[in-house]
Amino acid sequence: MKTLPAFPAPAGVSHITEQGMTLRDYFAAKALPMAIQEMNDAESYNINDAAIVAYQYADAMMDAR
């Protein structure tokens, strides 16, 4: 999977060396509330499970993209 920046520097801007979070991380952050809600609806869960689910959503969004 190609790593893409979520907020790339504008063309011609050379003084920005850090690209920040990846698009995959951005998608996971957006999906995290839904993943937490899914975990809250389950009888038992570990908070790490919510993060894993959020990245599963992000990977699906990256594939669909």
PDB file of N, CA and C in Angstrom:
ATOM      1  N   MET A   1       0.844  -1.173   0.000  1.00  0.00           N
ATOM      2  CA  MET A   1       0.000   0.000   0.000  1.00  0.00           C
ATOM      3  C   MET A   1       0.891   1.239   0.000  1.00  0.00           C
ATOM      4  N   LYS A   2       0.645   2.148  -0.892  1.00  0.00           N
ATOM      5  CA  LYS A   2       1.430   3.371  -1.005  1.00  0.00           C
ATOM      6  C   LYS A   2       1.128   4.300   0.168  1.00  0.00           C
ATOM      7  N   THR A   3       2.162   4.884   0.766  1.00  0.00           N
ATOM      8  CA  THR A   3       1.985   5.829   1.864  1.00  0.00           C
ATOM      9  C   THR A   3       1.761   7.212   1.274  1.00  0.00           C
ATOM     10  N   LEU A   4       0.636   7.803   1.595  1.00  0.00           N
ATOM     11  CA  LEU A   4       0.296   9.129   1.107  1.00  0.00           C
ATOM     12  C   LEU A   4       0.122  10.079   2.285  1.00  0.00           C
ATOM     13  N   PRO A   5       0.574  11.328   2.167  1.00  0.00           N
ATOM     14  CA  PRO A   5       0.367  12.268   3.247  1.00  0.00           C
ATOM     15  C   PRO A   5      -1.097  12.721   3.291  1.00  0.00           C
ATOM     16  N   ALA A   6      -1.604  12.953   4.501  1.00  0.00           N
ATOM     17  CA  ALA A   6      -2.980  13.446   4.637  1.00  0.00           C
ATOM     18  C   ALA A   6      -3.073  14.911   4.232  1.00  0.00           C
ATOM     19  N   PHE A   7      -2.033  15.672   4.535  1.00  0.00           N
ATOM     20  CA  PHE A   7      -2.013  17.102   4.244  1.00  0.00           C
ATOM     21  C   PHE A   7      -0.700  17.459   3.565  1.00  0.00           C
ATOM     22  N   PRO A   8      -0.575  17.142   2.277  1.00  0.00           N
ATOM     23  CA  PRO A   8       0.691  17.374   1.586  1.00  0.00           C
ATOM     24  C   PRO A   8       1.011  18.865   1.473  1.00  0.00           C
ATOM     25  N   ALA A   9       2.316  19.164   1.402  1.00  0.00           N
ATOM     26  CA  ALA A   9       2.754  20.547   1.207  1.00  0.00           C
ATOM     27  C   ALA A   9       2.375  20.978  -0.210  1.00  0.00           C
ATOM     28  N   PRO A  10       2.019  22.243  -0.361  1.00  0.00           N
ATOM     29  CA  PRO A  10       1.697  22.739  -1.710  1.00  0.00           C
ATOM     30  C   PRO A  10       2.901  22.605  -2.645  1.00  0.00           C
ATOM     31  N   ALA A  11       2.637  22.471  -3.902  1.00  0.00           N
ATOM     32  CA  ALA A  11       3.704  22.359  -4.895  1.00  0.00           C
ATOM     33  C   ALA A  11       4.603  23.585  -4.820  1.00  0.00           C
ATOM     34  N   GLY A  12       5.894  23.358  -4.904  1.00  0.00           N
ATOM     35  CA  GLY A  12       6.849  24.454  -4.896  1.00  0.00           C
ATOM     36  C   GLY A  12       7.292  24.900  -3.516  1.00  0.00           C
ATOM     37  N   VAL A  13       6.704  24.351  -2.457  1.00  0.00           N
ATOM     38  CA  VAL A  13       7.107  24.710  -1.095  1.00  0.00           C
ATOM     39  C   VAL A  13       8.197  23.740  -0.671  1.00  0.00           C
ATOM     40  N   SER A  14       9.402  24.253  -0.516  1.00  0.00           N
ATOM     41  CA  SER A  14      10.522  23.369  -0.207  1.00  0.00           C
ATOM     42  C   SER A  14      10.936  23.410   1.256  1.00  0.00           C
ATOM     43  N   HIS A  15      10.452  24.367   2.037  1.00  0.00           N
ATOM     44  CA  HIS A  15      10.886  24.483   3.426  1.00  0.00           C
ATOM     45  C   HIS A  15      10.143  23.533   4.365  1.00  0.00           C
ATOM     46  N   ILE A  16       9.103  22.859   3.893  1.00  0.00           N
ATOM     47  CA  ILE A  16       8.382  21.884   4.714  1.00  0.00           C
ATOM     48  C   ILE A  16       9.001  20.519   4.455  1.00  0.00           C
ATOM     49  N   THR A  17       9.614  19.957   5.498  1.00  0.00           N
ATOM     50  CA  THR A  17      10.262  18.657   5.315  1.00  0.00           C
ATOM     51  C   THR A  17       9.448  17.515   5.901  1.00  0.00           C
ATOM     52  N   GLU A  18       8.595  17.793   6.859  1.00  0.00           N
ATOM     53  CA  GLU A  18       7.750  16.763   7.466  1.00  0.00           C
ATOM     54  C   GLU A  18       6.370  16.820   6.824  1.00  0.00           C
ATOM     55  N   GLN A  19       5.874  15.669   6.420  1.00  0.00           N
ATOM     56  CA  GLN A  19       4.566  15.623   5.776  1.00  0.00           C
ATOM     57  C   GLN A  19       3.432  15.395   6.768  1.00  0.00           C
ATOM     58  N   GLY A  20       3.754  15.111   8.019  1.00  0.00           N
ATOM     59  CA  GLY A  20       2.702  14.898   9.010  1.00  0.00           C
ATOM     60  C   GLY A  20       2.121  13.496   8.911  1.00  0.00           C
ATOM     61  N   MET A  21       0.882  13.351   9.366  1.00  0.00           N
ATOM     62  CA  MET A  21       0.260  12.032   9.381  1.00  0.00           C
ATOM     63  C   MET A  21      -0.033  11.534   7.979  1.00  0.00           C
ATOM     64  N   THR A  22      -0.102  10.230   7.872  1.00  0.00           N
ATOM     65  CA  THR A  22      -0.438   9.641   6.579  1.00  0.00           C
ATOM     66  C   THR A  22      -1.953   9.693   6.371  1.00  0.00           C
ATOM     67  N   LEU A  23      -2.354   9.503   5.141  1.00  0.00           N
ATOM     68  CA  LEU A  23      -3.774   9.462   4.825  1.00  0.00           C
ATOM     69  C   LEU A  23      -4.447   8.295   5.552  1.00  0.00           C
ATOM     70  N   ARG A  24      -3.730   7.168   5.668  1.00  0.00           N
ATOM     71  CA  ARG A  24      -4.258   6.007   6.399  1.00  0.00           C
ATOM     72  C   ARG A  24      -4.514   6.367   7.866  1.00  0.00           C
ATOM     73  N   ASP A  25      -3.562   7.086   8.490  1.00  0.00           N
ATOM     74  CA  ASP A  25      -3.751   7.519   9.880  1.00  0.00           C
ATOM     75  C   ASP A  25      -4.950   8.458  10.009  1.00  0.00           C
ATOM     76  N   TYR A  26      -5.105   9.357   9.047  1.00  0.00           N
ATOM     77  CA  TYR A  26      -6.227  10.289   9.055  1.00  0.00           C
ATOM     78  C   TYR A  26      -7.553   9.537   8.967  1.00  0.00           C
ATOM     79  N   PHE A  27      -7.625   8.576   8.039  1.00  0.00           N
ATOM     80  CA  PHE A  27      -8.852   7.784   7.919  1.00  0.00           C
ATOM     81  C   PHE A  27      -9.134   7.016   9.207  1.00  0.00           C
ATOM     82  N   ALA A  28      -8.092   6.445   9.814  1.00  0.00           N
ATOM     83  CA  ALA A  28      -8.274   5.701  11.067  1.00  0.00           C
ATOM     84  C   ALA A  28      -8.782   6.620  12.170  1.00  0.00           C
ATOM     85  N   ALA A  29      -8.250   7.814  12.243  1.00  0.00           N
ATOM     86  CA  ALA A  29      -8.705   8.773  13.263  1.00  0.00           C
ATOM     87  C   ALA A  29     -10.178   9.125  13.060  1.00  0.00           C
ATOM     88  N   LYS A  30     -10.585   9.279  11.816  1.00  0.00           N
ATOM     89  CA  LYS A  30     -11.989   9.575  11.525  1.00  0.00           C
ATOM     90  C   LYS A  30     -12.891   8.385  11.850  1.00  0.00           C
ATOM     91  N   ALA A  31     -12.378   7.166  11.690  1.00  0.00           N
ATOM     92  CA  ALA A  31     -13.171   5.956  11.942  1.00  0.00           C
ATOM     93  C   ALA A  31     -13.180   5.554  13.407  1.00  0.00           C
ATOM     94  N   LEU A  32     -12.262   6.088  14.199  1.00  0.00           N
ATOM     95  CA  LEU A  32     -12.131   5.658  15.589  1.00  0.00           C
ATOM     96  C   LEU A  32     -13.409   5.822  16.411  1.00  0.00           C
ATOM     97  N   PRO A  33     -14.145   6.930  16.324  1.00  0.00           N
ATOM     98  CA  PRO A  33     -15.391   7.022  17.113  1.00  0.00           C
ATOM     99  C   PRO A  33     -16.375   5.888  16.814  1.00  0.00           C
ATOM    100  N   MET A  34     -16.515   5.518  15.545  1.00  0.00           N
ATOM    101  CA  MET A  34     -17.410   4.427  15.186  1.00  0.00           C
ATOM    102  C   MET A  34     -16.883   3.104  15.727  1.00  0.00           C
ATOM    103  N   ALA A  35     -15.568   2.922  15.665  1.00  0.00           N
ATOM    104  CA  ALA A  35     -14.964   1.692  16.187  1.00  0.00           C
ATOM    105  C   ALA A  35     -15.157   1.595  17.696  1.00  0.00           C
ATOM    106  N   ILE A  36     -15.013   2.716  18.402  1.00  0.00           N
ATOM    107  CA  ILE A  36     -15.234   2.727  19.852  1.00  0.00           C
ATOM    108  C   ILE A  36     -16.687   2.399  20.162  1.00  0.00           C
ATOM    109  N   GLN A  37     -17.608   2.953  19.398  1.00  0.00           N
ATOM    110  CA  GLN A  37     -19.027   2.662  19.609  1.00  0.00           C
ATOM    111  C   GLN A  37     -19.304   1.177  19.399  1.00  0.00           C
ATOM    112  N   GLU A  38     -18.700   0.597  18.365  1.00  0.00           N
ATOM    113  CA  GLU A  38     -18.864  -0.843  18.134  1.00  0.00           C
ATOM    114  C   GLU A  38     -18.355  -1.640  19.325  1.00  0.00           C
ATOM    115  N   MET A  39     -17.234  -1.220  19.875  1.00  0.00           N
ATOM    116  CA  MET A  39     -16.669  -1.918  21.028  1.00  0.00           C
ATOM    117  C   MET A  39     -17.553  -1.727  22.258  1.00  0.00           C
ATOM    118  N   ASN A  40     -18.131  -0.535  22.424  1.00  0.00           N
ATOM    119  CA  ASN A  40     -19.029  -0.278  23.553  1.00  0.00           C
ATOM    120  C   ASN A  40     -20.279  -1.142  23.476  1.00  0.00           C
ATOM    121  N   ASP A  41     -20.711  -1.454  22.253  1.00  0.00           N
ATOM    122  CA  ASP A  41     -21.899  -2.287  22.069  1.00  0.00           C
ATOM    123  C   ASP A  41     -21.597  -3.767  22.328  1.00  0.00           C
ATOM    124  N   ALA A  42     -20.330  -4.140  22.304  1.00  0.00           N
ATOM    125  CA  ALA A  42     -19.938  -5.527  22.576  1.00  0.00           C
ATOM    126  C   ALA A  42     -19.956  -5.766  24.088  1.00  0.00           C
ATOM    127  N   GLU A  43     -20.060  -7.009  24.479  1.00  0.00           N
ATOM    128  CA  GLU A  43     -20.112  -7.335  25.906  1.00  0.00           C
ATOM    129  C   GLU A  43     -18.791  -7.042  26.602  1.00  0.00           C
ATOM    130  N   SER A  44     -17.688  -7.329  25.951  1.00  0.00           N
ATOM    131  CA  SER A  44     -16.382  -7.025  26.530  1.00  0.00           C
ATOM    132  C   SER A  44     -15.421  -6.679  25.398  1.00  0.00           C
ATOM    133  N   TYR A  45     -14.482  -5.811  25.702  1.00  0.00           N
ATOM    134  CA  TYR A  45     -13.502  -5.433  24.698  1.00  0.00           C
ATOM    135  C   TYR A  45     -12.279  -4.832  25.370  1.00  0.00           C
ATOM    136  N   ASN A  46     -11.247  -4.730  24.597  1.00  0.00           N
ATOM    137  CA  ASN A  46     -10.018  -4.085  24.992  1.00  0.00           C
ATOM    138  C   ASN A  46      -9.906  -2.843  24.124  1.00  0.00           C
ATOM    139  N   ILE A  47      -9.446  -1.733  24.667  1.00  0.00           N
ATOM    140  CA  ILE A  47      -9.363  -0.491  23.898  1.00  0.00           C
ATOM    141  C   ILE A  47      -8.472  -0.660  22.660  1.00  0.00           C
ATOM    142  N   ASN A  48      -7.504  -1.566  22.728  1.00  0.00           N
ATOM    143  CA  ASN A  48      -6.674  -1.828  21.549  1.00  0.00           C
ATOM    144  C   ASN A  48      -7.502  -2.392  20.410  1.00  0.00           C
ATOM    145  N   ASP A  49      -8.585  -3.111  20.751  1.00  0.00           N
ATOM    146  CA  ASP A  49      -9.465  -3.651  19.711  1.00  0.00           C
ATOM    147  C   ASP A  49     -10.089  -2.521  18.893  1.00  0.00           C
ATOM    148  N   ALA A  50     -10.448  -1.428  19.548  1.00  0.00           N
ATOM    149  CA  ALA A  50     -11.038  -0.294  18.832  1.00  0.00           C
ATOM    150  C   ALA A  50     -10.026   0.293  17.842  1.00  0.00           C
ATOM    151  N   ALA A  51      -8.775   0.391  18.246  1.00  0.00           N
ATOM    152  CA  ALA A  51      -7.744   0.909  17.345  1.00  0.00           C
ATOM    153  C   ALA A  51      -7.546  -0.020  16.151  1.00  0.00           C
ATOM    154  N   ILE A  52      -7.555  -1.310  16.410  1.00  0.00           N
ATOM    155  CA  ILE A  52      -7.402  -2.284  15.319  1.00  0.00           C
ATOM    156  C   ILE A  52      -8.553  -2.161  14.328  1.00  0.00           C
ATOM    157  N   VAL A  53      -9.770  -2.044  14.849  1.00  0.00           N
ATOM    158  CA  VAL A  53     -10.947  -1.908  13.982  1.00  0.00           C
ATOM    159  C   VAL A  53     -10.871  -0.605  13.189  1.00  0.00           C
ATOM    160  N   ALA A  54     -10.428   0.479  13.830  1.00  0.00           N
ATOM    161  CA  ALA A  54     -10.313   1.763  13.126  1.00  0.00           C
ATOM    162  C   ALA A  54      -9.358   1.643  11.945  1.00  0.00           C
ATOM    163  N   TYR A  55      -8.235   0.936  12.136  1.00  0.00           N
ATOM    164  CA  TYR A  55      -7.298   0.754  11.027  1.00  0.00           C
ATOM    165  C   TYR A  55      -7.841  -0.208   9.971  1.00  0.00           C
ATOM    166  N   GLN A  56      -8.701  -1.131  10.362  1.00  0.00           N
ATOM    167  CA  GLN A  56      -9.349  -1.984   9.365  1.00  0.00           C
ATOM    168  C   GLN A  56     -10.265  -1.148   8.471  1.00  0.00           C
ATOM    169  N   TYR A  57     -10.999  -0.218   9.102  1.00  0.00           N
ATOM    170  CA  TYR A  57     -11.808   0.711   8.307  1.00  0.00           C
ATOM    171  C   TYR A  57     -10.925   1.559   7.400  1.00  0.00           C
ATOM    172  N   ALA A  58      -9.819   2.059   7.949  1.00  0.00           N
ATOM    173  CA  ALA A  58      -8.914   2.888   7.156  1.00  0.00           C
ATOM    174  C   ALA A  58      -8.363   2.113   5.975  1.00  0.00           C
ATOM    175  N   ASP A  59      -7.980   0.859   6.193  1.00  0.00           N
ATOM    176  CA  ASP A  59      -7.450   0.059   5.095  1.00  0.00           C
ATOM    177  C   ASP A  59      -8.514  -0.156   4.024  1.00  0.00           C
ATOM    178  N   ALA A  60      -9.753  -0.354   4.438  1.00  0.00           N
ATOM    179  CA  ALA A  60     -10.845  -0.521   3.474  1.00  0.00           C
ATOM    180  C   ALA A  60     -11.032   0.784   2.671  1.00  0.00           C
ATOM    181  N   MET A  61     -10.933   1.912   3.346  1.00  0.00           N
ATOM    182  CA  MET A  61     -11.072   3.196   2.637  1.00  0.00           C
ATOM    183  C   MET A  61      -9.916   3.410   1.665  1.00  0.00           C
ATOM    184  N   MET A  62      -8.698   3.024   2.087  1.00  0.00           N
ATOM    185  CA  MET A  62      -7.549   3.160   1.191  1.00  0.00           C
ATOM    186  C   MET A  62      -7.726   2.262  -0.039  1.00  0.00           C
ATOM    187  N   ASP A  63      -8.216   1.047   0.164  1.00  0.00           N
ATOM    188  CA  ASP A  63      -8.448   0.136  -0.964  1.00  0.00           C
ATOM    189  C   ASP A  63      -9.530   0.672  -1.900  1.00  0.00           C
ATOM    190  N   ALA A  64     -10.584   1.231  -1.326  1.00  0.00           N
ATOM    191  CA  ALA A  64     -11.682   1.758  -2.140  1.00  0.00           C
ATOM    192  C   ALA A  64     -11.255   2.992  -2.919  1.00  0.00           C
ATOM    193  N   ARG A  65     -10.311   3.685  -2.378  1.00  0.00           N
ATOM    194  CA  ARG A  65      -9.825   4.917  -2.970  1.00  0.00           C
ATOM    195  C   ARG A  65      -9.147   4.633  -4.302  1.00  0.00           C
TER     196      ARG A  65
END
